[in-house]
């Protein structure tokens, strides 16, 4: 090839990302971890728009590219109302404040349950009275909305869980449980929860309780945490609480238990608590740590359930100077988005 022929050739044309068909561009962006979304959002307005679009969330779900995200509800000394935060991903984790709760009263000690990309706040206390109100947080867009009210008010010690796409709630009142169907947006009373398992009036739990749906049991926690802090009972049978075995010495022993939750009504349980690191004088608190452990369950017999700690770690550490004093961890949830 002569020099004249080489010089006459046109340089290769660079293809713009946005010259790709929309579905192809969406497919590419859906494969990128959310850790990188803040940086990508700075590239252009179009990137920022598509990264926050509902289409991207749907595509990620269809491709099974969703990731676990942790949400925390904290009571800070400087704030009169509870505050919700998302724990950012990556090595430099931070608490990202969510938009303020838009309704008149944030319930005190509601039952919190999560599924997929939403967090439900059920009942709780409003002006020291039990509430029928239910709220849901859309974790894609960090927007709150109201749901239809429950049939009966429930306070701070109800149990809730998702089974087959519906929300089951029971306890903390003298009536039977009820179930919410997101498709029909209605609450109905129920006596059967799954495969003929009958739920009778379980009364007042007096502590944090949740469903372990695949094992057809209720699980609750007591404080302070110790080797026997978890107990369980069968659904549809006489309410006899038994110790979850196998957890002796498997968890650190923080001062107080905070909450338990079983995402999507599965076989695992998330346990959350706050630990305080003190100064050398063992009086003043220097750091505040938020911990989480995930426990799976094994049914050995009709009267024996064993727990296995899959992992346990400190999720986030804050200096006391950042919070203005001690904090209270009111609720925690894991969602997929």
Protein backbone atom coordinates (compact mmCIF):
# COMPACT_ATOMS: atom_id res chain seq x y z
CA UNK A 1 0.00 0.00 0.00
CA UNK A 2 1.49 3.35 -1.07
CA UNK A 3 1.82 6.42 1.13
CA UNK A 4 -0.72 8.19 -1.11
CA UNK A 5 -3.32 5.44 -0.54
CA UNK A 6 -2.76 5.49 3.23
CA UNK A 7 -3.27 9.23 3.40
CA UNK A 8 -6.51 8.99 1.46
CA UNK A 9 -8.09 6.59 3.96
CA UNK A 10 -10.61 8.12 6.39
CA UNK A 11 -9.91 7.77 10.14
CA UNK A 12 -12.21 5.33 11.97
CA UNK A 13 -15.43 6.86 13.24
CA UNK A 14 -15.91 6.82 17.03
CA UNK A 15 -19.33 5.51 18.02
CA UNK A 16 -21.15 7.43 20.74
CA UNK A 17 -22.64 5.42 23.59
CA UNK A 18 -25.98 7.12 22.98
CA UNK A 19 -25.97 6.07 19.32
CA UNK A 20 -26.78 2.59 20.59
CA UNK A 21 -30.44 1.52 20.70
CA UNK A 22 -32.08 2.45 24.00
CA UNK A 23 -32.62 -1.15 25.10
CA UNK A 24 -28.94 -1.97 24.47
CA UNK A 25 -27.75 1.09 26.44
CA UNK A 26 -30.12 0.19 29.27
CA UNK A 27 -28.85 -3.39 29.27
CA UNK A 28 -25.24 -2.19 29.59
CA UNK A 29 -25.95 0.27 32.41
CA UNK A 30 -27.99 -2.33 34.32
CA UNK A 31 -24.84 -4.47 34.65
CA UNK A 32 -22.90 -1.74 36.44
CA UNK A 33 -22.87 -1.89 40.24
CA UNK A 34 -24.66 0.90 42.09
CA UNK A 35 -21.35 1.75 43.75
CA UNK A 36 -20.42 3.54 40.51
CA UNK A 37 -23.74 5.32 39.94
CA UNK A 38 -22.76 8.58 41.73
CA UNK A 39 -19.73 8.96 39.43
CA UNK A 40 -21.69 8.06 36.29
CA UNK A 41 -24.36 10.60 37.20
CA UNK A 42 -21.75 13.36 36.80
CA UNK A 43 -21.07 12.45 33.15
CA UNK A 44 -24.23 14.01 31.73
CA UNK A 45 -27.84 14.82 32.44
CA UNK A 46 -28.88 11.88 30.28
CA UNK A 47 -26.81 9.45 32.34
CA UNK A 48 -28.28 10.92 35.53
CA UNK A 49 -31.81 10.58 34.14
CA UNK A 50 -31.50 6.95 33.07
CA UNK A 51 -29.73 5.89 36.28
CA UNK A 52 -32.70 7.15 38.29
CA UNK A 53 -35.35 5.79 35.93
CA UNK A 54 -37.84 3.05 36.73
CA UNK A 55 -36.82 1.26 33.50
CA UNK A 56 -33.32 0.70 34.88
CA UNK A 57 -34.69 -0.76 38.14
CA UNK A 58 -36.96 -3.13 36.21
CA UNK A 59 -34.11 -4.19 33.90
CA UNK A 60 -31.78 -4.88 36.84
CA UNK A 61 -34.43 -7.03 38.49
CA UNK A 62 -35.11 -8.99 35.29
CA UNK A 63 -31.36 -9.60 34.86
CA UNK A 64 -30.93 -10.56 38.55
CA UNK A 65 -28.46 -7.71 38.98
CA UNK A 66 -30.03 -6.26 42.12
CA UNK A 67 -27.81 -5.76 45.18
CA UNK A 68 -28.41 -5.72 48.92
CA UNK A 69 -28.88 -2.29 50.48
CA UNK A 70 -29.15 -1.52 54.18
CA UNK A 71 -31.54 1.05 55.64
CA UNK A 72 -31.45 2.28 59.23
CA UNK A 73 -33.88 4.29 61.34
CA UNK A 74 -32.00 6.21 64.04
CA UNK A 75 -33.01 8.50 66.86
CA UNK A 76 -30.33 11.16 67.15
CA UNK A 77 -29.94 13.34 70.20
CA UNK A 78 -30.22 16.53 68.16
CA UNK A 79 -33.44 15.48 66.40
CA UNK A 80 -36.93 15.24 67.84
CA UNK A 81 -38.14 12.75 65.20
CA UNK A 82 -36.59 9.50 63.96
CA UNK A 83 -34.37 9.81 60.87
CA UNK A 84 -33.99 7.26 58.07
CA UNK A 85 -30.62 6.62 56.40
CA UNK A 86 -29.28 4.45 53.58
CA UNK A 87 -25.86 2.92 54.18
CA UNK A 88 -23.81 3.62 51.06
CA UNK A 89 -21.84 0.84 49.43
CA UNK A 90 -18.10 0.63 48.91
CA UNK A 91 -15.09 0.80 51.24
CA UNK A 92 -15.89 4.32 52.45
CA UNK A 93 -19.38 3.64 53.80
CA UNK A 94 -21.46 6.59 54.89
CA UNK A 95 -24.97 7.16 56.20
CA UNK A 96 -26.94 8.97 53.50
CA UNK A 97 -29.96 10.82 54.97
CA UNK A 98 -33.28 10.12 53.27
CA UNK A 99 -35.96 12.74 52.64
CA UNK A 100 -37.88 13.71 55.76
CA UNK A 101 -40.90 11.61 56.69
CA UNK A 102 -43.66 13.67 55.01
CA UNK A 103 -46.64 12.80 57.20
CA UNK A 104 -47.71 14.41 60.44
CA UNK A 105 -46.51 11.79 62.93
CA UNK A 106 -43.77 9.22 62.48
CA UNK A 107 -45.06 6.21 64.47
CA UNK A 108 -43.15 5.22 67.57
CA UNK A 109 -41.86 1.61 67.49
CA UNK A 110 -43.80 0.38 64.44
CA UNK A 111 -43.38 -3.15 63.12
CA UNK A 112 -40.91 -2.94 60.22
CA UNK A 113 -40.79 -5.49 57.41
CA UNK A 114 -39.10 -5.33 54.01
CA UNK A 115 -39.55 -7.06 50.70
CA UNK A 116 -37.78 -6.53 47.40
CA UNK A 117 -37.31 -2.74 47.20
CA UNK A 118 -39.86 -1.55 49.78
CA UNK A 119 -39.96 -1.07 53.55
CA UNK A 120 -43.28 -1.22 55.42
CA UNK A 121 -43.98 0.59 58.72
CA UNK A 122 -46.95 -1.09 60.36
CA UNK A 123 -48.86 0.22 63.37
CA UNK A 124 -46.81 1.46 66.31
CA UNK A 125 -47.74 4.24 68.72
CA UNK A 126 -49.00 7.71 67.79
CA UNK A 127 -49.46 10.05 70.74
CA UNK A 128 -48.98 6.95 72.95
CA UNK A 129 -51.97 5.21 71.35
CA UNK A 130 -51.91 2.11 69.12
CA UNK A 131 -52.23 2.92 65.45
CA UNK A 132 -53.91 1.37 62.40
CA UNK A 133 -51.72 3.35 60.01
CA UNK A 134 -49.36 1.73 57.51
CA UNK A 135 -46.67 3.47 55.45
CA UNK A 136 -44.30 2.18 52.79
CA UNK A 137 -40.93 3.53 51.62
CA UNK A 138 -40.10 3.03 47.94
CA UNK A 139 -36.34 2.49 48.15
CA UNK A 140 -35.79 3.11 44.42
CA UNK A 141 -36.94 6.72 44.63
CA UNK A 142 -36.87 7.23 48.43
CA UNK A 143 -40.51 8.29 48.50
CA UNK A 144 -43.03 7.57 51.25
CA UNK A 145 -46.69 6.78 50.67
CA UNK A 146 -49.69 5.79 52.77
CA UNK A 147 -51.40 2.42 52.53
CA UNK A 148 -54.96 1.59 53.59
CA UNK A 149 -55.30 1.33 57.36
CA UNK A 150 -55.41 -2.00 59.15
CA UNK A 151 -58.70 -3.31 60.51
CA UNK A 152 -57.50 -3.02 64.12
CA UNK A 153 -54.81 -0.88 65.80
CA UNK A 154 -51.53 -2.58 66.74
CA UNK A 155 -48.74 -1.21 68.90
CA UNK A 156 -45.05 -1.89 69.18
CA UNK A 157 -44.99 -5.67 69.54
CA UNK A 158 -46.79 -7.12 66.52
CA UNK A 159 -45.17 -9.63 64.17
CA UNK A 160 -45.22 -9.23 60.40
CA UNK A 161 -43.86 -11.00 57.35
CA UNK A 162 -44.23 -11.43 53.60
CA UNK A 163 -45.53 -14.72 52.28
CA UNK A 164 -46.47 -15.23 48.62
CA UNK A 165 -46.43 -11.49 48.01
CA UNK A 166 -48.84 -10.58 50.83
CA UNK A 167 -48.19 -8.98 54.23
CA UNK A 168 -49.27 -11.00 57.27
CA UNK A 169 -49.59 -9.21 60.62
CA UNK A 170 -50.54 -10.65 63.99
CA UNK A 171 -50.19 -9.96 67.69
CA UNK A 172 -50.34 -6.93 69.98
CA UNK A 173 -54.11 -6.85 70.02
CA UNK A 174 -56.94 -9.05 71.23
CA UNK A 175 -58.19 -9.96 67.75
CA UNK A 176 -56.84 -12.39 65.16
CA UNK A 177 -54.30 -11.48 62.52
CA UNK A 178 -54.89 -9.83 59.18
CA UNK A 179 -53.34 -9.88 55.73
CA UNK A 180 -52.72 -7.11 53.20
CA UNK A 181 -52.87 -7.83 49.47
CA UNK A 182 -50.90 -5.20 47.48
CA UNK A 183 -52.80 -6.11 44.31
CA UNK A 184 -56.26 -5.37 45.72
CA UNK A 185 -55.01 -2.85 48.32
CA UNK A 186 -57.23 -4.39 50.99
CA UNK A 187 -56.83 -5.85 54.49
CA UNK A 188 -58.68 -9.04 55.38
CA UNK A 189 -58.80 -11.13 58.58
CA UNK A 190 -57.23 -14.57 58.33
CA UNK A 191 -56.91 -17.83 60.19
CA UNK A 192 -54.58 -19.67 57.81
CA UNK A 193 -51.12 -18.47 56.91
CA UNK A 194 -49.59 -21.13 54.67
CA UNK A 195 -50.42 -24.66 53.62
CA UNK A 196 -53.20 -25.04 56.16
CA UNK A 197 -51.19 -23.74 59.14
CA UNK A 198 -53.79 -22.13 61.40
CA UNK A 199 -53.07 -18.93 63.30
CA UNK A 200 -54.97 -18.41 66.51
CA UNK A 201 -54.84 -15.36 68.74
CA UNK A 202 -51.21 -15.14 69.94
CA UNK A 203 -51.86 -12.12 72.13
CA UNK A 204 -49.09 -9.71 73.09
CA UNK A 205 -45.54 -10.76 72.29
CA UNK A 206 -43.89 -8.17 74.52
CA UNK A 207 -40.76 -8.12 72.36
CA UNK A 208 -39.57 -8.01 68.76
CA UNK A 209 -41.01 -10.94 66.81
CA UNK A 210 -41.03 -12.00 63.16
CA UNK A 211 -42.00 -14.87 60.86
CA UNK A 212 -39.58 -17.51 59.63
CA UNK A 213 -42.02 -18.57 56.96
CA UNK A 214 -40.20 -21.53 55.41
CA UNK A 215 -39.92 -23.20 58.81
CA UNK A 216 -43.47 -22.14 59.79
CA UNK A 217 -42.31 -20.67 63.09
CA UNK A 218 -42.29 -17.36 64.90
CA UNK A 219 -38.96 -16.11 66.23
CA UNK A 220 -38.45 -13.48 68.91
CA UNK A 221 -35.52 -11.90 70.72
CA UNK A 222 -35.10 -10.77 74.29
CA UNK A 223 -32.52 -8.51 75.89
CA UNK A 224 -29.83 -8.38 76.93
CA UNK A 225 -28.29 -10.54 74.25
CA UNK A 226 -26.86 -13.81 75.47
CA UNK A 227 -26.63 -17.43 74.43
CA UNK A 228 -30.41 -17.84 74.73
CA UNK A 229 -31.54 -14.49 73.31
CA UNK A 230 -33.52 -16.11 70.47
CA UNK A 231 -36.59 -18.25 71.04
CA UNK A 232 -39.22 -19.72 68.72
CA UNK A 233 -42.67 -21.26 68.65
CA UNK A 234 -44.65 -23.24 66.09
CA UNK A 235 -47.38 -21.53 64.12
CA UNK A 236 -50.81 -23.01 64.66
CA UNK A 237 -49.95 -24.82 67.91
CA UNK A 238 -50.05 -23.99 71.59
CA UNK A 239 -47.79 -20.98 72.19
CA UNK A 240 -44.73 -22.62 73.76
CA UNK A 241 -41.51 -20.65 73.32
CA UNK A 242 -38.32 -22.71 73.04
CA UNK A 243 -34.67 -21.66 72.84
CA UNK A 244 -32.96 -21.56 69.44
CA UNK A 245 -29.98 -23.83 70.08
CA UNK A 246 -26.43 -23.71 68.76
CA UNK A 247 -25.74 -19.99 69.25
CA UNK A 248 -23.68 -20.24 72.44
CA UNK A 249 -20.63 -17.97 72.13
CA UNK A 250 -21.32 -17.28 68.46
CA UNK A 251 -22.14 -13.57 68.77
CA UNK A 252 -20.56 -10.64 70.58
CA UNK A 253 -22.53 -9.62 73.64
CA UNK A 254 -23.66 -6.03 73.12
CA UNK A 255 -25.60 -4.21 75.84
CA UNK A 256 -29.08 -4.55 74.38
CA UNK A 257 -30.96 -6.24 71.59
CA UNK A 258 -32.49 -3.99 68.93
CA UNK A 259 -34.46 -5.75 66.20
CA UNK A 260 -34.92 -8.86 64.12
CA UNK A 261 -36.25 -9.20 60.59
CA UNK A 262 -36.66 -11.97 58.04
CA UNK A 263 -36.44 -10.44 54.54
CA UNK A 264 -39.11 -11.78 52.18
CA UNK A 265 -40.24 -14.31 54.77
CA UNK A 266 -37.34 -16.66 54.05
CA UNK A 267 -35.35 -19.02 56.27
CA UNK A 268 -32.83 -16.48 57.53
CA UNK A 269 -32.99 -13.87 60.25
CA UNK A 270 -31.22 -10.51 60.47
CA UNK A 271 -30.27 -9.35 63.98
CA UNK A 272 -29.30 -5.71 64.57
CA UNK A 273 -27.83 -3.90 67.55
CA UNK A 274 -25.72 -0.93 68.67
CA UNK A 275 -22.42 -1.30 70.50
CA UNK A 276 -20.65 1.50 72.36
CA UNK A 277 -16.85 1.74 72.50
CA UNK A 278 -15.73 3.61 75.61
CA UNK A 279 -12.73 5.77 76.40
CA UNK A 280 -9.87 4.52 78.53
CA UNK A 281 -11.71 5.69 81.64
CA UNK A 282 -14.55 3.27 80.71
CA UNK A 283 -17.10 6.03 81.29
CA UNK A 284 -17.35 8.25 78.21
CA UNK A 285 -18.38 6.71 74.89
CA UNK A 286 -15.93 7.46 72.09
CA UNK A 287 -17.41 5.50 69.16
CA UNK A 288 -20.80 4.06 68.26
CA UNK A 289 -20.95 0.90 66.16
CA UNK A 290 -23.96 -0.52 64.32
CA UNK A 291 -23.77 -4.30 64.07
CA UNK A 292 -25.63 -6.91 62.09
CA UNK A 293 -25.61 -10.70 62.05
CA UNK A 294 -27.44 -13.10 59.76
CA UNK A 295 -28.66 -16.38 61.22
CA UNK A 296 -30.02 -19.34 59.29
CA UNK A 297 -32.28 -21.98 60.84
CA UNK A 298 -32.26 -25.77 60.78
CA UNK A 299 -35.25 -27.73 62.03
CA UNK A 300 -33.83 -30.84 63.75
CA UNK A 301 -37.09 -32.14 65.22
CA UNK A 302 -40.58 -31.02 66.14
CA UNK A 303 -39.23 -29.42 69.31
CA UNK A 304 -35.68 -28.43 68.24
CA UNK A 305 -34.51 -25.57 66.05
CA UNK A 306 -30.80 -24.80 65.65
CA UNK A 307 -29.34 -21.48 64.52
CA UNK A 308 -26.18 -20.97 62.47
CA UNK A 309 -24.47 -17.56 62.37
CA UNK A 310 -23.69 -17.06 58.69
CA UNK A 311 -21.89 -13.78 59.29
CA UNK A 312 -21.57 -11.08 61.94
CA UNK A 313 -19.84 -7.73 61.56
CA UNK A 314 -19.83 -4.04 62.34
CA UNK A 315 -21.56 -2.22 59.49
CA UNK A 316 -20.80 1.37 60.40
CA UNK A 317 -18.84 3.29 63.02
CA UNK A 318 -19.57 6.85 64.11
CA UNK A 319 -17.68 9.18 66.39
CA UNK A 320 -19.73 10.52 69.25
CA UNK A 321 -18.90 14.02 68.04
CA UNK A 322 -20.75 13.25 64.77
CA UNK A 323 -24.01 12.36 66.47
CA UNK A 324 -24.06 14.86 69.33
CA UNK A 325 -24.31 12.05 71.84
CA UNK A 326 -25.67 8.53 72.07
CA UNK A 327 -28.09 7.23 69.45
CA UNK A 328 -30.91 4.71 69.38
CA UNK A 329 -31.26 2.23 66.52
CA UNK A 330 -35.03 2.01 66.10
CA UNK A 331 -35.28 -0.21 63.04
CA UNK A 332 -33.23 -1.72 60.24
CA UNK A 333 -34.05 -3.38 56.94
CA UNK A 334 -32.36 -4.98 53.94
CA UNK A 335 -33.81 -4.39 50.47
CA UNK A 336 -32.78 -5.43 46.97
CA UNK A 337 -32.40 -2.76 44.32
